[in-house]
Amino acid sequence: MKRKDGRYLQFFPGVQGTQRVVTLHEGWLMDVTFTHVPQPHTVTVHGVTVPTLAVGARWLTLVPTRGHAALLVILNRETPVFAYADVCAATGLGEDGVPWLDDLYLDVRALLNADWTPGLPEIIDVDELDDALHGGEITLEQHALAWVTAREVAAQLTCHANPLLRAVRAFVLGGGASG
């Protein structure tokens, strides 16, 4: 299992921006706005390509204190474009104040409309999950937990009932608008 944290500015070579951690009722929100991106990135979901890493992009990752999925919401300027859920075994807050998660490899992603409604979700990285199981990095129970969680997140996105997406939306629309 791999531990991931919200150090996005250190993860991508040459990017610059601002980042802060905000504590919400649901967990810790890593709020990053990119001001310099040497190599922009896009993602294609169901044939639609959207910018994900570009100047002006804002990444809001809500790492919950409870549950088994963290949610990254990407805004292009202030318009939501993409949601990405990391299925995880555990979450926490590091001594340095940066949230982390123990990744269970399986992920759920969906495009977001300007009104924050998700498009059709897609479960991805099944091969990584299976490789981790066969390589002894995760247990059979963690493999099953990843599938249960991914299906639950996909169902929540499908019926517009994902609590982390609602929390990020409320944060942005309620005044947490500047990164």
Protein backbone atom coordinates (compact mmCIF):
# COMPACT_ATOMS: atom_id res chain seq x y z
CA MET A 1 0.00 0.00 0.00
CA LYS A 2 1.31 3.45 -0.79
CA ARG A 3 0.93 6.54 1.37
CA LYS A 4 -0.08 9.68 -0.51
CA ASP A 5 -0.28 13.23 0.76
CA GLY A 6 -1.34 16.64 -0.50
CA ARG A 7 2.07 18.05 -1.41
CA TYR A 8 1.04 18.75 -5.01
CA LEU A 9 3.41 21.69 -5.42
CA GLN A 10 6.35 19.41 -4.62
CA PHE A 11 5.04 16.49 -6.67
CA PHE A 12 5.00 18.18 -10.09
CA PRO A 13 8.42 19.51 -11.18
CA GLY A 14 8.52 23.26 -11.74
CA VAL A 15 4.95 24.07 -10.72
CA GLN A 16 4.30 27.02 -8.46
CA GLY A 17 1.26 28.15 -6.57
CA THR A 18 -0.32 28.50 -3.19
CA GLN A 19 -1.47 25.78 -0.85
CA ARG A 20 -3.21 25.69 2.48
CA VAL A 21 -4.92 23.15 4.70
CA VAL A 22 -8.36 23.97 6.04
CA THR A 23 -10.09 21.85 8.67
CA LEU A 24 -13.73 21.15 7.86
CA HIS A 25 -16.30 19.10 9.73
CA GLU A 26 -15.77 16.22 7.26
CA GLY A 27 -11.98 16.25 7.36
CA TRP A 28 -8.94 18.14 6.10
CA LEU A 29 -9.12 20.11 2.88
CA MET A 30 -5.91 20.68 0.92
CA ASP A 31 -6.55 23.77 -1.21
CA VAL A 32 -3.99 24.34 -3.98
CA THR A 33 -4.04 26.95 -6.75
CA PHE A 34 -1.46 26.69 -9.53
CA THR A 35 0.14 29.95 -10.71
CA HIS A 36 2.91 28.49 -12.90
CA VAL A 37 2.70 25.17 -14.75
CA PRO A 38 5.56 24.31 -17.14
CA GLN A 39 3.70 21.37 -18.66
CA PRO A 40 -0.13 21.47 -18.53
CA HIS A 41 -2.06 18.20 -18.21
CA THR A 42 -5.53 17.13 -19.28
CA VAL A 43 -7.69 14.11 -18.60
CA THR A 44 -10.18 12.43 -20.89
CA VAL A 45 -13.25 10.80 -19.39
CA HIS A 46 -15.87 9.20 -21.64
CA GLY A 47 -14.39 11.00 -24.65
CA VAL A 48 -14.39 14.48 -23.11
CA THR A 49 -11.03 16.15 -22.40
CA VAL A 50 -10.71 18.75 -19.64
CA PRO A 51 -7.71 20.65 -18.27
CA THR A 52 -6.58 19.40 -14.87
CA LEU A 53 -3.14 20.92 -14.30
CA ALA A 54 -2.85 24.41 -15.75
CA VAL A 55 -2.29 27.98 -14.66
CA GLY A 56 -5.35 29.00 -12.67
CA ALA A 57 -6.38 25.42 -11.87
CA ARG A 58 -7.47 24.86 -8.30
CA TRP A 59 -7.28 21.46 -6.64
CA LEU A 60 -9.35 20.86 -3.53
CA THR A 61 -8.69 17.50 -1.89
CA LEU A 62 -10.93 16.58 1.02
CA VAL A 63 -9.35 13.83 3.12
CA PRO A 64 -12.05 12.59 5.50
CA THR A 65 -11.51 11.84 9.16
CA ARG A 66 -13.83 8.84 8.63
CA GLY A 67 -14.47 6.70 5.61
CA HIS A 68 -12.42 5.10 2.90
CA ALA A 69 -12.39 7.62 0.04
CA ALA A 70 -10.77 11.03 -0.30
CA LEU A 71 -12.07 13.36 -3.00
CA LEU A 72 -10.12 15.68 -5.29
CA VAL A 73 -12.20 18.34 -7.04
CA ILE A 74 -10.49 20.30 -9.81
CA LEU A 75 -11.68 23.74 -10.77
CA ASN A 76 -10.67 25.54 -13.96
CA ARG A 77 -10.55 29.11 -12.69
CA GLU A 78 -13.61 28.81 -10.44
CA THR A 79 -15.62 26.37 -12.57
CA PRO A 80 -15.71 22.72 -11.44
CA VAL A 81 -14.52 20.33 -14.15
CA PHE A 82 -13.40 17.04 -12.58
CA ALA A 83 -13.81 14.85 -9.50
CA TYR A 84 -11.41 12.07 -8.54
CA ALA A 85 -11.89 9.80 -5.53
CA ASP A 86 -8.94 7.92 -4.07
CA VAL A 87 -10.10 4.76 -2.33
CA CYS A 88 -8.06 4.33 0.85
CA ALA A 89 -7.53 2.13 3.87
CA ALA A 90 -6.82 4.94 6.34
CA THR A 91 -6.41 8.71 6.53
CA GLY A 92 -4.77 11.14 8.89
CA LEU A 93 -3.01 14.41 9.43
CA GLY A 94 0.77 14.43 9.50
CA GLU A 95 2.83 16.19 12.17
CA ASP A 96 3.54 18.86 9.54
CA GLY A 97 -0.20 19.55 9.15
CA VAL A 98 -0.51 17.90 5.72
CA PRO A 99 -3.29 15.31 5.29
CA TRP A 100 -2.38 11.82 4.05
CA LEU A 101 -4.09 8.62 2.95
CA ASP A 102 -3.09 5.01 2.55
CA ASP A 103 -4.11 4.39 -1.06
CA LEU A 104 -5.95 1.21 -2.02
CA TYR A 105 -5.20 1.79 -5.73
CA LEU A 106 -8.79 1.79 -7.01
CA ASP A 107 -10.10 5.22 -8.04
CA VAL A 108 -13.37 6.73 -9.19
CA ARG A 109 -13.52 9.71 -11.51
CA ALA A 110 -16.19 11.81 -13.15
CA LEU A 111 -16.47 15.03 -15.07
CA LEU A 112 -18.26 17.85 -13.26
CA ASN A 113 -20.72 20.23 -14.86
CA ALA A 114 -20.56 23.96 -14.10
CA ASP A 115 -23.43 23.47 -11.62
CA TRP A 116 -21.35 20.85 -9.73
CA THR A 117 -23.39 17.85 -10.93
CA PRO A 118 -21.18 14.88 -11.80
CA GLY A 119 -21.29 13.08 -15.10
CA LEU A 120 -21.19 9.30 -15.38
CA PRO A 121 -18.57 7.99 -12.92
CA GLU A 122 -15.87 5.58 -13.97
CA ILE A 123 -13.97 3.14 -11.72
CA ILE A 124 -10.33 2.95 -12.81
CA ASP A 125 -7.00 1.31 -11.92
CA VAL A 126 -8.44 -2.18 -11.44
CA ASP A 127 -5.15 -3.62 -12.71
CA GLU A 128 -3.19 -1.72 -10.02
CA LEU A 129 -5.52 -3.05 -7.32
CA ASP A 130 -5.18 -6.63 -8.54
CA ASP A 131 -1.39 -6.31 -8.90
CA ALA A 132 -1.18 -5.02 -5.30
CA LEU A 133 -3.17 -8.03 -4.08
CA HIS A 134 -1.09 -10.55 -6.04
CA GLY A 135 2.12 -8.80 -4.96
CA GLY A 136 1.19 -9.01 -1.28
CA GLU A 137 0.95 -5.22 -0.83
CA ILE A 138 -2.68 -5.47 0.32
CA THR A 139 -4.81 -8.17 1.90
CA LEU A 140 -7.86 -9.87 0.43
CA GLU A 141 -9.97 -7.88 2.92
CA GLN A 142 -8.46 -4.59 1.70
CA HIS A 143 -9.10 -5.65 -1.91
CA ALA A 144 -12.77 -6.27 -1.04
CA LEU A 145 -12.96 -2.96 0.87
CA ALA A 146 -11.61 -1.12 -2.18
CA TRP A 147 -14.35 -2.56 -4.40
CA VAL A 148 -17.14 -1.90 -1.91
CA THR A 149 -15.93 1.68 -1.42
CA ALA A 150 -15.45 2.40 -5.14
CA ARG A 151 -18.94 1.13 -5.96
CA GLU A 152 -20.39 3.21 -3.12
CA VAL A 153 -18.63 6.38 -4.32
CA ALA A 154 -19.73 5.75 -7.91
CA ALA A 155 -23.33 5.27 -6.76
CA GLN A 156 -23.18 8.48 -4.67
CA LEU A 157 -21.86 10.43 -7.65
CA THR A 158 -24.50 8.94 -9.94
CA CYS A 159 -27.35 10.09 -7.68
CA HIS A 160 -25.65 13.41 -6.76
CA ALA A 161 -25.32 12.42 -3.11
CA ASN A 162 -21.57 12.32 -2.43
CA PRO A 163 -21.04 14.01 0.95
CA LEU A 164 -17.45 15.04 0.21
CA LEU A 165 -18.46 16.70 -3.08
CA ARG A 166 -21.23 18.56 -1.23
CA ALA A 167 -18.72 19.70 1.41
CA VAL A 168 -16.20 20.97 -1.17
CA ARG A 169 -18.98 22.75 -3.07
CA ALA A 170 -20.22 24.39 0.13
CA PHE A 171 -16.66 25.47 0.98
CA VAL A 172 -16.09 27.08 -2.42
CA LEU A 173 -19.51 28.70 -2.71
CA GLY A 174 -19.51 29.75 0.94
CA GLY A 175 -16.45 31.94 0.81
CA GLY A 176 -13.47 29.63 0.65
CA ALA A 177 -13.14 30.84 -2.91
CA SER A 178 -9.60 32.19 -2.94
CA GLY A 179 -6.73 29.73 -2.72
